[in-house]
């Protein structure tokens, strides 16, 4: 009789072990910042969680919260990242940029950084002092072209985490003189991964170097493509018209300001993998005339790492 009970216990233990292995882990609390854009002068609607859908591998995920990032939750840290090699007729355009900085809401802190000779140079960490931020902004003087995306990734890695949104406005031609082999620019992919891990939105404005007319147009086009790729994948947007300098930054800066004023923090339960990693997430609006811009991936923690943040997380 004792042997029968022992045998039954072994079978039950094996069955419970198999059941535990076949039971999927619980969904993981995850979040990302999304933007309601392209309103074209219309007043932005106040959305609720029922107005959005969040899917992962085509499967709907439960939305636990949708917080409008305004009022007490409007805190924003915005870094202006200027590529020093983008020095073509920069004077008047940078007057637009100074006005943009001065017009930011009191809840926004502005930092200024440069890419010089391939190195990141942070001259001012995010501050509410508009005068200090404007004084820190200088027009680029030109230098040897280097990958702007390595500096972007470095900037985001060194950004201290806090409760505010984080966004970067990048002024660059996007040209990497030593791109990775194959169709992908490895430095751009690294910047995208770091931005998505840290929840940083990237807005990019193309601005060429003074010798752009003598540069191979294929390289210029490739730089614009990479700027757009980084911006779109991180939930931001890129702006350019042709290969020359923009006649004015003002309309594009106005569009960026509109985006930053109409953002939400969406919290949802995602399906985790065996390890913490970036997962493809799709966020859409259920309202026909409202567009939603969101990062293509979100950082989803593994079940045993809910209380731990990834390296560089913000």
C-alpha atoms as a PDB file:
ATOM      1  CA  UNK A   1       0.000   0.000   0.000  1.00  0.00           C
ATOM      2  CA  UNK A   2       2.875   2.350   0.874  1.00  0.00           C
ATOM      3  CA  UNK A   3       4.496   1.740  -2.523  1.00  0.00           C
ATOM      4  CA  UNK A   4       1.208   2.500  -4.320  1.00  0.00           C
ATOM      5  CA  UNK A   5       0.922   5.843  -2.491  1.00  0.00           C
ATOM      6  CA  UNK A   6       4.556   6.652  -3.323  1.00  0.00           C
ATOM      7  CA  UNK A   7       3.982   5.803  -6.985  1.00  0.00           C
ATOM      8  CA  UNK A   8       0.821   7.951  -7.055  1.00  0.00           C
ATOM      9  CA  UNK A   9       2.741  10.884  -5.521  1.00  0.00           C
ATOM     10  CA  UNK A  10       5.469  10.627  -8.169  1.00  0.00           C
ATOM     11  CA  UNK A  11       2.889  10.650 -10.980  1.00  0.00           C
ATOM     12  CA  UNK A  12       1.133  13.665  -9.430  1.00  0.00           C
ATOM     13  CA  UNK A  13       4.431  15.546  -9.041  1.00  0.00           C
ATOM     14  CA  UNK A  14       5.350  14.870 -12.672  1.00  0.00           C
ATOM     15  CA  UNK A  15       1.916  16.012 -13.823  1.00  0.00           C
ATOM     16  CA  UNK A  16       2.167  19.213 -11.807  1.00  0.00           C
ATOM     17  CA  UNK A  17       5.632  19.860 -13.248  1.00  0.00           C
ATOM     18  CA  UNK A  18       4.380  19.428 -16.813  1.00  0.00           C
ATOM     19  CA  UNK A  19       1.360  21.623 -16.077  1.00  0.00           C
ATOM     20  CA  UNK A  20       3.595  24.366 -14.679  1.00  0.00           C
ATOM     21  CA  UNK A  21       5.797  24.221 -17.774  1.00  0.00           C
ATOM     22  CA  UNK A  22       2.796  24.450 -20.108  1.00  0.00           C
ATOM     23  CA  UNK A  23       1.167  27.335 -18.229  1.00  0.00           C
ATOM     24  CA  UNK A  24       2.221  30.659 -19.787  1.00  0.00           C
ATOM     25  CA  UNK A  25       3.686  33.265 -17.436  1.00  0.00           C
ATOM     26  CA  UNK A  26       1.398  36.117 -16.392  1.00  0.00           C
ATOM     27  CA  UNK A  27       1.346  39.221 -18.559  1.00  0.00           C
ATOM     28  CA  UNK A  28       3.830  41.926 -17.607  1.00  0.00           C
ATOM     29  CA  UNK A  29       2.928  45.569 -16.829  1.00  0.00           C
ATOM     30  CA  UNK A  30       4.414  47.644 -19.655  1.00  0.00           C
ATOM     31  CA  UNK A  31       4.101  51.237 -20.810  1.00  0.00           C
ATOM     32  CA  UNK A  32       4.991  53.606 -23.627  1.00  0.00           C
ATOM     33  CA  UNK A  33       4.408  57.218 -24.627  1.00  0.00           C
ATOM     34  CA  UNK A  34       2.078  57.705 -27.599  1.00  0.00           C
ATOM     35  CA  UNK A  35       1.268  60.852 -29.549  1.00  0.00           C
ATOM     36  CA  UNK A  36      -2.006  62.070 -30.986  1.00  0.00           C
ATOM     37  CA  UNK A  37      -0.918  63.871 -34.125  1.00  0.00           C
ATOM     38  CA  UNK A  38      -1.950  65.579 -37.345  1.00  0.00           C
ATOM     39  CA  UNK A  39      -4.953  67.418 -35.935  1.00  0.00           C
ATOM     40  CA  UNK A  40      -4.570  70.269 -38.453  1.00  0.00           C
ATOM     41  CA  UNK A  41      -5.888  73.021 -36.217  1.00  0.00           C
ATOM     42  CA  UNK A  42      -8.657  70.993 -34.587  1.00  0.00           C
ATOM     43  CA  UNK A  43      -8.853  70.770 -30.833  1.00  0.00           C
ATOM     44  CA  UNK A  44      -7.358  67.528 -29.588  1.00  0.00           C
ATOM     45  CA  UNK A  45      -9.929  65.126 -28.121  1.00  0.00           C
ATOM     46  CA  UNK A  46      -9.416  63.777 -24.624  1.00  0.00           C
ATOM     47  CA  UNK A  47      -8.990  60.046 -25.132  1.00  0.00           C
ATOM     48  CA  UNK A  48      -9.836  57.204 -22.779  1.00  0.00           C
ATOM     49  CA  UNK A  49      -8.466  53.663 -22.692  1.00  0.00           C
ATOM     50  CA  UNK A  50     -11.442  52.430 -24.728  1.00  0.00           C
ATOM     51  CA  UNK A  51     -10.369  54.682 -27.635  1.00  0.00           C
ATOM     52  CA  UNK A  52      -7.128  52.748 -28.228  1.00  0.00           C
ATOM     53  CA  UNK A  53      -6.170  49.200 -29.076  1.00  0.00           C
ATOM     54  CA  UNK A  54      -2.831  47.631 -28.168  1.00  0.00           C
ATOM     55  CA  UNK A  55      -1.763  44.380 -29.827  1.00  0.00           C
ATOM     56  CA  UNK A  56       1.229  42.058 -29.654  1.00  0.00           C
ATOM     57  CA  UNK A  57       1.622  39.473 -32.422  1.00  0.00           C
ATOM     58  CA  UNK A  58      -1.910  40.440 -33.545  1.00  0.00           C
ATOM     59  CA  UNK A  59      -3.342  39.545 -30.131  1.00  0.00           C
ATOM     60  CA  UNK A  60      -5.114  42.314 -28.188  1.00  0.00           C
ATOM     61  CA  UNK A  61      -3.597  43.299 -24.860  1.00  0.00           C
ATOM     62  CA  UNK A  62      -5.530  44.698 -21.886  1.00  0.00           C
ATOM     63  CA  UNK A  63      -4.979  48.438 -21.363  1.00  0.00           C
ATOM     64  CA  UNK A  64      -4.755  49.195 -17.656  1.00  0.00           C
ATOM     65  CA  UNK A  65      -4.366  52.976 -17.845  1.00  0.00           C
ATOM     66  CA  UNK A  66      -4.238  55.886 -20.282  1.00  0.00           C
ATOM     67  CA  UNK A  67      -2.852  59.068 -18.722  1.00  0.00           C
ATOM     68  CA  UNK A  68      -2.905  62.394 -20.618  1.00  0.00           C
ATOM     69  CA  UNK A  69       0.527  63.990 -20.214  1.00  0.00           C
ATOM     70  CA  UNK A  70      -0.686  67.459 -19.399  1.00  0.00           C
ATOM     71  CA  UNK A  71      -1.295  69.511 -16.296  1.00  0.00           C
ATOM     72  CA  UNK A  72       0.487  67.904 -13.339  1.00  0.00           C
ATOM     73  CA  UNK A  73       1.710  65.097 -15.634  1.00  0.00           C
ATOM     74  CA  UNK A  74       3.106  67.389 -18.370  1.00  0.00           C
ATOM     75  CA  UNK A  75       6.718  67.153 -17.190  1.00  0.00           C
ATOM     76  CA  UNK A  76       9.118  66.926 -20.145  1.00  0.00           C
ATOM     77  CA  UNK A  77      12.884  66.893 -20.553  1.00  0.00           C
ATOM     78  CA  UNK A  78      13.870  67.873 -24.094  1.00  0.00           C
ATOM     79  CA  UNK A  79      17.437  67.682 -25.379  1.00  0.00           C
ATOM     80  CA  UNK A  80      18.414  69.730 -28.446  1.00  0.00           C
ATOM     81  CA  UNK A  81      21.155  67.668 -30.130  1.00  0.00           C
ATOM     82  CA  UNK A  82      23.016  69.565 -32.872  1.00  0.00           C
ATOM     83  CA  UNK A  83      25.349  67.862 -35.336  1.00  0.00           C
ATOM     84  CA  UNK A  84      28.217  70.319 -35.775  1.00  0.00           C
ATOM     85  CA  UNK A  85      28.831  69.252 -39.376  1.00  0.00           C
ATOM     86  CA  UNK A  86      25.339  70.478 -40.400  1.00  0.00           C
ATOM     87  CA  UNK A  87      26.471  74.055 -40.913  1.00  0.00           C
ATOM     88  CA  UNK A  88      24.782  75.207 -44.143  1.00  0.00           C
ATOM     89  CA  UNK A  89      23.113  78.646 -43.761  1.00  0.00           C
ATOM     90  CA  UNK A  90      22.315  77.895 -40.144  1.00  0.00           C
ATOM     91  CA  UNK A  91      21.891  81.443 -38.831  1.00  0.00           C
ATOM     92  CA  UNK A  92      18.239  82.227 -39.567  1.00  0.00           C
ATOM     93  CA  UNK A  93      17.095  78.665 -38.934  1.00  0.00           C
ATOM     94  CA  UNK A  94      18.663  78.701 -35.493  1.00  0.00           C
ATOM     95  CA  UNK A  95      16.824  81.917 -34.671  1.00  0.00           C
ATOM     96  CA  UNK A  96      13.679  79.793 -35.132  1.00  0.00           C
ATOM     97  CA  UNK A  97      15.154  77.213 -32.771  1.00  0.00           C
ATOM     98  CA  UNK A  98      15.853  79.858 -30.106  1.00  0.00           C
ATOM     99  CA  UNK A  99      12.244  81.057 -30.327  1.00  0.00           C
ATOM    100  CA  UNK A 100      11.086  77.441 -30.006  1.00  0.00           C
ATOM    101  CA  UNK A 101      13.115  76.999 -26.814  1.00  0.00           C
ATOM    102  CA  UNK A 102      11.796  80.255 -25.355  1.00  0.00           C
ATOM    103  CA  UNK A 103       8.191  79.253 -26.086  1.00  0.00           C
ATOM    104  CA  UNK A 104       8.292  75.957 -24.174  1.00  0.00           C
ATOM    105  CA  UNK A 105       5.856  75.524 -21.297  1.00  0.00           C
ATOM    106  CA  UNK A 106       7.064  75.948 -17.689  1.00  0.00           C
ATOM    107  CA  UNK A 107       6.835  72.155 -17.239  1.00  0.00           C
ATOM    108  CA  UNK A 108       9.533  71.577 -19.883  1.00  0.00           C
ATOM    109  CA  UNK A 109      13.251  71.465 -19.148  1.00  0.00           C
ATOM    110  CA  UNK A 110      15.592  71.998 -22.107  1.00  0.00           C
ATOM    111  CA  UNK A 111      19.120  70.652 -22.493  1.00  0.00           C
ATOM    112  CA  UNK A 112      21.647  71.343 -25.261  1.00  0.00           C
ATOM    113  CA  UNK A 113      24.258  68.975 -26.667  1.00  0.00           C
ATOM    114  CA  UNK A 114      26.497  68.827 -29.745  1.00  0.00           C
ATOM    115  CA  UNK A 115      28.148  66.199 -31.888  1.00  0.00           C
ATOM    116  CA  UNK A 116      31.703  67.378 -32.507  1.00  0.00           C
ATOM    117  CA  UNK A 117      34.283  65.222 -34.294  1.00  0.00           C
ATOM    118  CA  UNK A 118      32.220  62.151 -33.504  1.00  0.00           C
ATOM    119  CA  UNK A 119      32.033  62.903 -29.795  1.00  0.00           C
ATOM    120  CA  UNK A 120      29.021  63.855 -27.713  1.00  0.00           C
ATOM    121  CA  UNK A 121      29.431  67.201 -25.965  1.00  0.00           C
ATOM    122  CA  UNK A 122      26.687  67.993 -23.450  1.00  0.00           C
ATOM    123  CA  UNK A 123      26.941  71.722 -22.731  1.00  0.00           C
ATOM    124  CA  UNK A 124      23.741  72.051 -20.698  1.00  0.00           C
ATOM    125  CA  UNK A 125      21.691  69.429 -18.883  1.00  0.00           C
ATOM    126  CA  UNK A 126      17.905  69.903 -18.977  1.00  0.00           C
ATOM    127  CA  UNK A 127      16.957  73.092 -17.134  1.00  0.00           C
ATOM    128  CA  UNK A 128      13.807  75.222 -16.794  1.00  0.00           C
ATOM    129  CA  UNK A 129      15.960  78.330 -17.377  1.00  0.00           C
ATOM    130  CA  UNK A 130      15.037  79.378 -20.936  1.00  0.00           C
ATOM    131  CA  UNK A 131      17.671  82.124 -21.106  1.00  0.00           C
ATOM    132  CA  UNK A 132      20.418  79.685 -20.154  1.00  0.00           C
ATOM    133  CA  UNK A 133      19.239  77.175 -22.791  1.00  0.00           C
ATOM    134  CA  UNK A 134      19.129  79.826 -25.519  1.00  0.00           C
ATOM    135  CA  UNK A 135      22.627  81.033 -24.622  1.00  0.00           C
ATOM    136  CA  UNK A 136      23.937  77.467 -24.802  1.00  0.00           C
ATOM    137  CA  UNK A 137      22.678  77.131 -28.382  1.00  0.00           C
ATOM    138  CA  UNK A 138      25.240  78.051 -31.036  1.00  0.00           C
ATOM    139  CA  UNK A 139      25.067  77.535 -34.763  1.00  0.00           C
ATOM    140  CA  UNK A 140      27.262  74.669 -36.029  1.00  0.00           C
ATOM    141  CA  UNK A 141      30.617  75.647 -37.487  1.00  0.00           C
ATOM    142  CA  UNK A 142      31.335  72.467 -39.413  1.00  0.00           C
ATOM    143  CA  UNK A 143      33.620  69.521 -38.762  1.00  0.00           C
ATOM    144  CA  UNK A 144      34.531  66.147 -40.179  1.00  0.00           C
ATOM    145  CA  UNK A 145      31.369  64.054 -40.782  1.00  0.00           C
ATOM    146  CA  UNK A 146      30.842  61.268 -38.260  1.00  0.00           C
ATOM    147  CA  UNK A 147      27.959  59.007 -37.333  1.00  0.00           C
ATOM    148  CA  UNK A 148      25.385  61.145 -35.491  1.00  0.00           C
ATOM    149  CA  UNK A 149      23.586  58.069 -34.170  1.00  0.00           C
ATOM    150  CA  UNK A 150      26.390  56.832 -31.927  1.00  0.00           C
ATOM    151  CA  UNK A 151      26.284  60.182 -30.125  1.00  0.00           C
ATOM    152  CA  UNK A 152      22.484  59.976 -29.916  1.00  0.00           C
ATOM    153  CA  UNK A 153      22.706  56.551 -28.260  1.00  0.00           C
ATOM    154  CA  UNK A 154      25.359  57.840 -25.851  1.00  0.00           C
ATOM    155  CA  UNK A 155      23.204  60.830 -24.922  1.00  0.00           C
ATOM    156  CA  UNK A 156      20.243  58.590 -24.103  1.00  0.00           C
ATOM    157  CA  UNK A 157      22.339  56.112 -22.116  1.00  0.00           C
ATOM    158  CA  UNK A 158      23.598  58.886 -19.877  1.00  0.00           C
ATOM    159  CA  UNK A 159      20.183  60.439 -19.278  1.00  0.00           C
ATOM    160  CA  UNK A 160      19.173  60.044 -15.631  1.00  0.00           C
ATOM    161  CA  UNK A 161      15.753  58.409 -15.089  1.00  0.00           C
ATOM    162  CA  UNK A 162      12.907  60.392 -13.541  1.00  0.00           C
ATOM    163  CA  UNK A 163       9.141  60.776 -13.820  1.00  0.00           C
ATOM    164  CA  UNK A 164       9.276  63.175 -16.804  1.00  0.00           C
ATOM    165  CA  UNK A 165       8.949  62.283 -20.471  1.00  0.00           C
ATOM    166  CA  UNK A 166      12.205  62.327 -22.397  1.00  0.00           C
ATOM    167  CA  UNK A 167      12.523  63.505 -26.006  1.00  0.00           C
ATOM    168  CA  UNK A 168      15.357  64.525 -28.325  1.00  0.00           C
ATOM    169  CA  UNK A 169      15.224  67.069 -31.126  1.00  0.00           C
ATOM    170  CA  UNK A 170      18.118  66.158 -33.398  1.00  0.00           C
ATOM    171  CA  UNK A 171      19.495  68.557 -36.044  1.00  0.00           C
ATOM    172  CA  UNK A 172      21.678  66.571 -38.454  1.00  0.00           C
ATOM    173  CA  UNK A 173      22.226  65.443 -42.025  1.00  0.00           C
ATOM    174  CA  UNK A 174      22.016  61.837 -40.820  1.00  0.00           C
ATOM    175  CA  UNK A 175      25.050  60.745 -42.855  1.00  0.00           C
ATOM    176  CA  UNK A 176      27.184  57.974 -41.390  1.00  0.00           C
ATOM    177  CA  UNK A 177      30.486  57.969 -43.335  1.00  0.00           C
ATOM    178  CA  UNK A 178      31.133  54.382 -42.207  1.00  0.00           C
ATOM    179  CA  UNK A 179      27.761  52.611 -42.354  1.00  0.00           C
ATOM    180  CA  UNK A 180      27.389  48.958 -41.416  1.00  0.00           C
ATOM    181  CA  UNK A 181      27.485  46.246 -44.030  1.00  0.00           C
ATOM    182  CA  UNK A 182      24.163  45.432 -45.651  1.00  0.00           C
ATOM    183  CA  UNK A 183      21.021  47.554 -45.897  1.00  0.00           C
ATOM    184  CA  UNK A 184      21.015  48.500 -42.200  1.00  0.00           C
ATOM    185  CA  UNK A 185      23.061  51.238 -40.588  1.00  0.00           C
ATOM    186  CA  UNK A 186      24.283  49.549 -37.417  1.00  0.00           C
ATOM    187  CA  UNK A 187      24.774  52.808 -35.523  1.00  0.00           C
ATOM    188  CA  UNK A 188      21.204  53.870 -36.348  1.00  0.00           C
ATOM    189  CA  UNK A 189      19.906  50.494 -35.173  1.00  0.00           C
ATOM    190  CA  UNK A 190      21.839  50.875 -31.919  1.00  0.00           C
ATOM    191  CA  UNK A 191      20.297  54.322 -31.373  1.00  0.00           C
ATOM    192  CA  UNK A 192      16.817  52.944 -32.005  1.00  0.00           C
ATOM    193  CA  UNK A 193      17.314  50.117 -29.533  1.00  0.00           C
ATOM    194  CA  UNK A 194      18.639  52.462 -26.842  1.00  0.00           C
ATOM    195  CA  UNK A 195      15.777  54.909 -27.419  1.00  0.00           C
ATOM    196  CA  UNK A 196      13.121  52.207 -27.234  1.00  0.00           C
ATOM    197  CA  UNK A 197      14.658  50.613 -24.132  1.00  0.00           C
ATOM    198  CA  UNK A 198      14.683  54.000 -22.419  1.00  0.00           C
ATOM    199  CA  UNK A 199      11.347  55.282 -23.701  1.00  0.00           C
ATOM    200  CA  UNK A 200      12.864  58.322 -25.454  1.00  0.00           C
ATOM    201  CA  UNK A 201      11.106  59.858 -28.467  1.00  0.00           C
ATOM    202  CA  UNK A 202      13.354  61.227 -31.216  1.00  0.00           C
ATOM    203  CA  UNK A 203      12.402  64.079 -33.543  1.00  0.00           C
ATOM    204  CA  UNK A 204      14.836  64.734 -36.389  1.00  0.00           C
ATOM    205  CA  UNK A 205      15.234  67.759 -38.641  1.00  0.00           C
ATOM    206  CA  UNK A 206      17.517  67.333 -41.646  1.00  0.00           C
ATOM    207  CA  UNK A 207      20.072  70.097 -42.076  1.00  0.00           C
ATOM    208  CA  UNK A 208      22.988  69.641 -44.511  1.00  0.00           C
ATOM    209  CA  UNK A 209      26.650  70.506 -44.389  1.00  0.00           C
ATOM    210  CA  UNK A 210      27.867  73.530 -46.349  1.00  0.00           C
ATOM    211  CA  UNK A 211      29.313  71.317 -49.100  1.00  0.00           C
ATOM    212  CA  UNK A 212      26.087  69.341 -49.637  1.00  0.00           C
ATOM    213  CA  UNK A 213      25.958  70.310 -53.337  1.00  0.00           C
ATOM    214  CA  UNK A 214      29.219  68.422 -53.970  1.00  0.00           C
ATOM    215  CA  UNK A 215      28.317  65.362 -51.883  1.00  0.00           C
ATOM    216  CA  UNK A 216      27.058  62.204 -53.556  1.00  0.00           C
ATOM    217  CA  UNK A 217      23.278  62.597 -53.495  1.00  0.00           C
ATOM    218  CA  UNK A 218      22.876  58.916 -52.702  1.00  0.00           C
ATOM    219  CA  UNK A 219      24.681  59.495 -49.410  1.00  0.00           C
ATOM    220  CA  UNK A 220      22.452  62.471 -48.602  1.00  0.00           C
ATOM    221  CA  UNK A 221      19.355  60.429 -49.409  1.00  0.00           C
ATOM    222  CA  UNK A 222      20.624  57.579 -47.247  1.00  0.00           C
ATOM    223  CA  UNK A 223      21.183  60.004 -44.363  1.00  0.00           C
ATOM    224  CA  UNK A 224      17.616  61.287 -44.647  1.00  0.00           C
ATOM    225  CA  UNK A 225      16.294  57.726 -44.712  1.00  0.00           C
ATOM    226  CA  UNK A 226      18.190  56.886 -41.521  1.00  0.00           C
ATOM    227  CA  UNK A 227      16.914  60.035 -39.779  1.00  0.00           C
ATOM    228  CA  UNK A 228      13.357  59.072 -40.700  1.00  0.00           C
ATOM    229  CA  UNK A 229      13.955  55.461 -39.649  1.00  0.00           C
ATOM    230  CA  UNK A 230      15.220  56.433 -36.197  1.00  0.00           C
ATOM    231  CA  UNK A 231      12.436  58.955 -35.639  1.00  0.00           C
ATOM    232  CA  UNK A 232       9.553  56.741 -36.754  1.00  0.00           C
ATOM    233  CA  UNK A 233      10.738  53.640 -34.892  1.00  0.00           C
ATOM    234  CA  UNK A 234      11.031  55.605 -31.635  1.00  0.00           C
ATOM    235  CA  UNK A 235       7.611  57.273 -31.909  1.00  0.00           C
ATOM    236  CA  UNK A 236       8.818  60.648 -33.224  1.00  0.00           C
ATOM    237  CA  UNK A 237       8.924  62.210 -36.675  1.00  0.00           C
ATOM    238  CA  UNK A 238      11.515  63.446 -39.204  1.00  0.00           C
ATOM    239  CA  UNK A 239      11.388  66.591 -41.351  1.00  0.00           C
ATOM    240  CA  UNK A 240      13.150  67.446 -44.617  1.00  0.00           C
ATOM    241  CA  UNK A 241      12.430  68.998 -48.022  1.00  0.00           C
ATOM    242  CA  UNK A 242      14.847  68.008 -50.760  1.00  0.00           C
ATOM    243  CA  UNK A 243      18.607  67.900 -50.192  1.00  0.00           C
ATOM    244  CA  UNK A 244      19.202  71.563 -49.383  1.00  0.00           C
ATOM    245  CA  UNK A 245      18.610  73.451 -46.138  1.00  0.00           C
ATOM    246  CA  UNK A 246      15.063  74.116 -45.054  1.00  0.00           C
ATOM    247  CA  UNK A 247      13.941  77.684 -45.753  1.00  0.00           C
ATOM    248  CA  UNK A 248      12.679  77.843 -42.177  1.00  0.00           C
ATOM    249  CA  UNK A 249      12.476  75.530 -39.199  1.00  0.00           C
ATOM    250  CA  UNK A 250       9.441  77.333 -37.808  1.00  0.00           C
ATOM    251  CA  UNK A 251       6.602  75.204 -39.293  1.00  0.00           C
ATOM    252  CA  UNK A 252       8.345  71.958 -38.329  1.00  0.00           C
ATOM    253  CA  UNK A 253       9.124  73.159 -34.824  1.00  0.00           C
ATOM    254  CA  UNK A 254       5.468  74.142 -34.498  1.00  0.00           C
ATOM    255  CA  UNK A 255       4.467  70.606 -35.503  1.00  0.00           C
ATOM    256  CA  UNK A 256       6.853  69.128 -32.927  1.00  0.00           C
ATOM    257  CA  UNK A 257       5.415  71.427 -30.240  1.00  0.00           C
ATOM    258  CA  UNK A 258       1.924  70.234 -31.186  1.00  0.00           C
ATOM    259  CA  UNK A 259       3.024  66.615 -30.846  1.00  0.00           C
ATOM    260  CA  UNK A 260       4.605  67.192 -27.444  1.00  0.00           C
ATOM    261  CA  UNK A 261       1.419  68.863 -26.221  1.00  0.00           C
ATOM    262  CA  UNK A 262      -0.760  65.889 -27.200  1.00  0.00           C
ATOM    263  CA  UNK A 263       0.838  62.816 -25.668  1.00  0.00           C
ATOM    264  CA  UNK A 264      -0.380  60.036 -23.404  1.00  0.00           C
ATOM    265  CA  UNK A 265       1.208  57.398 -21.234  1.00  0.00           C
ATOM    266  CA  UNK A 266      -0.471  54.104 -22.128  1.00  0.00           C
ATOM    267  CA  UNK A 267      -0.016  51.251 -19.663  1.00  0.00           C
ATOM    268  CA  UNK A 268      -0.887  47.696 -20.660  1.00  0.00           C
ATOM    269  CA  UNK A 269      -0.175  44.053 -19.904  1.00  0.00           C
ATOM    270  CA  UNK A 270       2.216  42.484 -22.428  1.00  0.00           C
ATOM    271  CA  UNK A 271       3.160  38.858 -22.983  1.00  0.00           C
ATOM    272  CA  UNK A 272       6.733  38.391 -21.728  1.00  0.00           C
ATOM    273  CA  UNK A 273       9.440  36.237 -23.258  1.00  0.00           C
ATOM    274  CA  UNK A 274      11.899  34.068 -21.383  1.00  0.00           C
ATOM    275  CA  UNK A 275      14.149  37.103 -20.907  1.00  0.00           C
ATOM    276  CA  UNK A 276      13.518  40.828 -20.652  1.00  0.00           C
ATOM    277  CA  UNK A 277      13.612  42.228 -24.167  1.00  0.00           C
ATOM    278  CA  UNK A 278      12.113  44.621 -26.693  1.00  0.00           C
ATOM    279  CA  UNK A 279       8.835  43.304 -28.067  1.00  0.00           C
ATOM    280  CA  UNK A 280       6.924  44.552 -31.112  1.00  0.00           C
ATOM    281  CA  UNK A 281       3.808  46.386 -29.961  1.00  0.00           C
ATOM    282  CA  UNK A 282       1.142  47.980 -32.146  1.00  0.00           C
ATOM    283  CA  UNK A 283      -0.956  50.877 -30.828  1.00  0.00           C
ATOM    284  CA  UNK A 284      -3.893  52.156 -32.881  1.00  0.00           C
ATOM    285  CA  UNK A 285      -6.738  54.577 -32.442  1.00  0.00           C
ATOM    286  CA  UNK A 286     -10.314  53.339 -32.665  1.00  0.00           C
ATOM    287  CA  UNK A 287     -11.432  56.853 -33.645  1.00  0.00           C
ATOM    288  CA  UNK A 288     -11.449  57.184 -37.419  1.00  0.00           C
ATOM    289  CA  UNK A 289     -10.020  60.715 -37.741  1.00  0.00           C
ATOM    290  CA  UNK A 290      -7.435  60.483 -34.952  1.00  0.00           C
ATOM    291  CA  UNK A 291      -3.917  59.224 -35.706  1.00  0.00           C
ATOM    292  CA  UNK A 292      -1.675  57.673 -33.082  1.00  0.00           C
ATOM    293  CA  UNK A 293       2.108  57.685 -33.322  1.00  0.00           C
ATOM    294  CA  UNK A 294       3.949  55.223 -31.101  1.00  0.00           C
ATOM    295  CA  UNK A 295       7.287  53.420 -30.883  1.00  0.00           C
ATOM    296  CA  UNK A 296       7.357  50.134 -32.773  1.00  0.00           C
ATOM    297  CA  UNK A 297       8.679  48.220 -29.742  1.00  0.00           C
ATOM    298  CA  UNK A 298       8.423  48.394 -25.965  1.00  0.00           C
ATOM    299  CA  UNK A 299      10.653  46.955 -23.258  1.00  0.00           C
ATOM    300  CA  UNK A 300       8.848  43.953 -21.726  1.00  0.00           C
ATOM    301  CA  UNK A 301      10.340  42.604 -18.512  1.00  0.00           C
ATOM    302  CA  UNK A 302      10.608  38.872 -17.916  1.00  0.00           C
ATOM    303  CA  UNK A 303       8.383  37.501 -15.100  1.00  0.00           C
ATOM    304  CA  UNK A 304      11.342  37.232 -12.715  1.00  0.00           C
ATOM    305  CA  UNK A 305      12.586  40.743 -13.512  1.00  0.00           C
ATOM    306  CA  UNK A 306       9.492  42.875 -12.926  1.00  0.00           C
ATOM    307  CA  UNK A 307      11.242  44.900 -10.239  1.00  0.00           C
ATOM    308  CA  UNK A 308      14.453  45.310 -12.222  1.00  0.00           C
ATOM    309  CA  UNK A 309      15.072  47.847 -14.970  1.00  0.00           C
ATOM    310  CA  UNK A 310      17.178  47.154 -18.054  1.00  0.00           C
ATOM    311  CA  UNK A 311      20.539  48.828 -18.407  1.00  0.00           C
ATOM    312  CA  UNK A 312      19.879  52.386 -19.554  1.00  0.00           C
ATOM    313  CA  UNK A 313      16.158  52.296 -18.720  1.00  0.00           C
ATOM    314  CA  UNK A 314      14.569  55.596 -17.803  1.00  0.00           C
END
